Amino acid sequence: MSVVSLAPLVASLIGAALSGGCGDDSPGRHAVSGSVKVDGAPLAIGNISFQPVEGQSTSGGAIISDGRYLVPRGGGLVEGKYRVSINAPVPGTRGPASDDALPGEPPPAPKEQIPPQWNVASDHFIEVKKQGPFVFEFEVSAKGK
């Protein structure tokens, strides 16, 4: 058998292997969606993440845009309790690196518009149960943070 005649066989084997992944590769996972408002207004841009607190094997996250987020089922959450973390940098607050910064050192992080109790010191949780809906709405108060 020559190399040329092996090409169709190899191509069909690769195709068969790839098509095997077209089924449901996210058993037990649930898409999670919702909204985030800050002081009553939809959060323009930010991130939301869900970290397991009961030993679940999944965590998840998404970009928040115009107050909405969606964690698709493929990257979704299994049943359990999760700590919620929301971040949103204040636009234009990332300053240049200091004069004494070492080469390759990143510039300072931008100021955060979300209070620490919603991110680094989050005390907010969701619970994903066996049955939905899996929609979670968050109201953040940034006043007096």
Protein backbone atom coordinates (compact mmCIF):
# COMPACT_ATOMS: atom_id res chain seq x y z
CA MET A 1 0.00 0.00 0.00
CA SER A 2 1.51 3.35 -0.96
CA VAL A 3 1.49 6.54 1.11
CA VAL A 4 -0.96 8.13 -1.32
CA SER A 5 -3.54 5.38 -0.84
CA LEU A 6 -3.28 5.71 2.96
CA ALA A 7 -4.38 9.36 2.89
CA PRO A 8 -8.13 8.65 2.48
CA LEU A 9 -8.00 6.00 5.21
CA VAL A 10 -6.20 8.33 7.63
CA ALA A 11 -8.61 11.17 6.81
CA SER A 12 -11.64 8.97 7.46
CA LEU A 13 -10.21 7.72 10.78
CA ILE A 14 -9.54 11.28 11.93
CA GLY A 15 -13.05 12.30 10.89
CA ALA A 16 -14.57 9.38 12.79
CA ALA A 17 -12.58 10.24 15.91
CA LEU A 18 -13.63 13.87 15.78
CA SER A 19 -17.29 13.10 15.13
CA GLY A 20 -17.36 10.96 18.26
CA GLY A 21 -17.08 14.19 20.28
CA CYS A 22 -20.28 15.66 18.92
CA GLY A 23 -22.44 14.19 21.67
CA ASP A 24 -23.15 15.71 25.07
CA ASP A 25 -19.74 16.15 26.65
CA SER A 26 -21.07 18.04 29.66
CA PRO A 27 -23.14 15.58 31.70
CA GLY A 28 -24.43 17.07 34.93
CA ARG A 29 -23.39 20.60 33.96
CA HIS A 30 -25.85 23.43 33.77
CA ALA A 31 -25.67 26.69 31.87
CA VAL A 32 -25.83 29.62 34.28
CA SER A 33 -26.97 33.11 33.35
CA GLY A 34 -28.27 36.29 34.87
CA SER A 35 -27.67 39.95 35.40
CA VAL A 36 -25.44 42.24 37.43
CA LYS A 37 -26.46 45.73 38.48
CA VAL A 38 -24.28 48.21 40.32
CA ASP A 39 -26.20 50.85 42.26
CA GLY A 40 -29.29 50.01 40.19
CA ALA A 41 -27.65 50.29 36.73
CA PRO A 42 -26.51 47.37 34.55
CA LEU A 43 -22.76 46.79 34.87
CA ALA A 44 -21.28 47.88 31.52
CA ILE A 45 -18.32 45.50 31.50
CA GLY A 46 -16.78 43.12 34.02
CA ASN A 47 -16.29 39.46 34.96
CA ILE A 48 -18.13 37.04 37.14
CA SER A 49 -16.75 33.78 38.50
CA PHE A 50 -18.16 30.93 40.53
CA GLN A 51 -15.76 28.97 42.74
CA PRO A 52 -16.88 25.67 44.35
CA VAL A 53 -17.08 25.55 48.14
CA GLU A 54 -18.30 21.97 48.58
CA GLY A 55 -15.64 20.03 46.69
CA GLN A 56 -17.37 20.11 43.30
CA SER A 57 -15.15 19.44 40.32
CA THR A 58 -16.20 22.53 38.39
CA SER A 59 -15.85 26.26 38.56
CA GLY A 60 -17.07 28.70 35.97
CA GLY A 61 -17.09 32.26 34.85
CA ALA A 62 -18.11 34.69 32.16
CA ILE A 63 -17.74 38.22 30.90
CA ILE A 64 -20.44 40.63 31.98
CA SER A 65 -21.56 42.91 29.16
CA ASP A 66 -24.38 45.44 29.45
CA GLY A 67 -25.36 43.85 32.75
CA ARG A 68 -25.78 40.30 31.39
CA TYR A 69 -23.65 37.16 31.62
CA LEU A 70 -23.88 33.56 30.40
CA VAL A 71 -21.82 30.54 31.37
CA PRO A 72 -22.59 28.00 28.61
CA ARG A 73 -23.45 24.43 29.51
CA GLY A 74 -20.13 23.08 28.22
CA GLY A 75 -18.34 25.20 30.85
CA GLY A 76 -21.28 25.19 33.23
CA LEU A 77 -21.66 24.21 36.84
CA VAL A 78 -22.59 20.94 38.51
CA GLU A 79 -24.86 20.84 41.56
CA GLY A 80 -23.48 22.50 44.65
CA LYS A 81 -22.69 25.77 46.38
CA TYR A 82 -20.40 28.38 44.77
CA ARG A 83 -18.75 31.60 45.94
CA VAL A 84 -19.55 34.50 43.60
CA SER A 85 -16.83 36.94 42.60
CA ILE A 86 -17.52 40.04 40.48
CA ASN A 87 -14.81 42.34 39.16
CA ALA A 88 -15.00 45.50 37.08
CA PRO A 89 -12.07 47.84 36.57
CA VAL A 90 -12.70 51.57 36.58
CA PRO A 91 -11.90 52.63 32.98
CA GLY A 92 -8.67 54.58 32.55
CA THR A 93 -7.27 53.88 36.03
CA ARG A 94 -4.38 51.59 35.10
CA GLY A 95 -1.32 53.71 35.62
CA PRO A 96 2.12 53.28 34.11
CA ALA A 97 4.70 51.14 35.87
CA SER A 98 6.65 53.00 38.54
CA ASP A 99 10.16 54.27 37.81
CA ASP A 100 11.66 51.69 40.17
CA ALA A 101 9.76 48.74 38.64
CA LEU A 102 11.84 45.80 37.49
CA PRO A 103 11.89 44.96 33.77
CA GLY A 104 8.91 42.79 32.85
CA GLU A 105 7.00 43.73 35.99
CA PRO A 106 3.35 44.39 35.13
CA PRO A 107 1.88 47.85 35.58
CA PRO A 108 -0.32 48.42 38.63
CA ALA A 109 -3.80 46.94 38.49
CA PRO A 110 -6.65 49.30 37.67
CA LYS A 111 -8.90 50.55 40.44
CA GLU A 112 -11.83 48.26 41.15
CA GLN A 113 -15.36 49.66 41.05
CA ILE A 114 -16.83 46.63 42.81
CA PRO A 115 -16.38 46.48 46.61
CA PRO A 116 -14.18 43.72 48.10
CA GLN A 117 -17.16 41.87 49.61
CA TRP A 118 -18.05 40.96 46.00
CA ASN A 119 -14.57 39.75 44.93
CA VAL A 120 -11.40 39.34 47.06
CA ALA A 121 -13.47 39.02 50.26
CA SER A 122 -16.67 37.72 48.68
CA ASP A 123 -19.40 36.71 51.06
CA HIS A 124 -21.94 35.97 48.30
CA PHE A 125 -22.98 32.49 47.22
CA ILE A 126 -25.27 30.70 44.79
CA GLU A 127 -26.54 27.16 44.90
CA VAL A 128 -26.99 25.13 41.74
CA LYS A 129 -29.67 22.52 42.34
CA LYS A 130 -30.71 19.50 40.31
CA GLN A 131 -33.57 21.41 38.68
CA GLY A 132 -33.36 24.97 37.29
CA PRO A 133 -33.85 27.69 36.58
CA PHE A 134 -30.16 28.49 36.69
CA VAL A 135 -30.60 32.26 36.52
CA PHE A 136 -28.92 34.39 39.18
CA GLU A 137 -29.42 38.14 39.53
CA PHE A 138 -26.97 40.29 41.51
CA GLU A 139 -27.45 43.78 42.94
CA VAL A 140 -24.15 45.34 43.98
CA SER A 141 -23.93 48.48 46.09
CA ALA A 142 -20.70 50.36 45.34
CA LYS A 143 -21.71 53.44 47.32
CA GLY A 144 -19.64 53.84 50.43
CA LYS A 145 -17.39 50.89 49.60
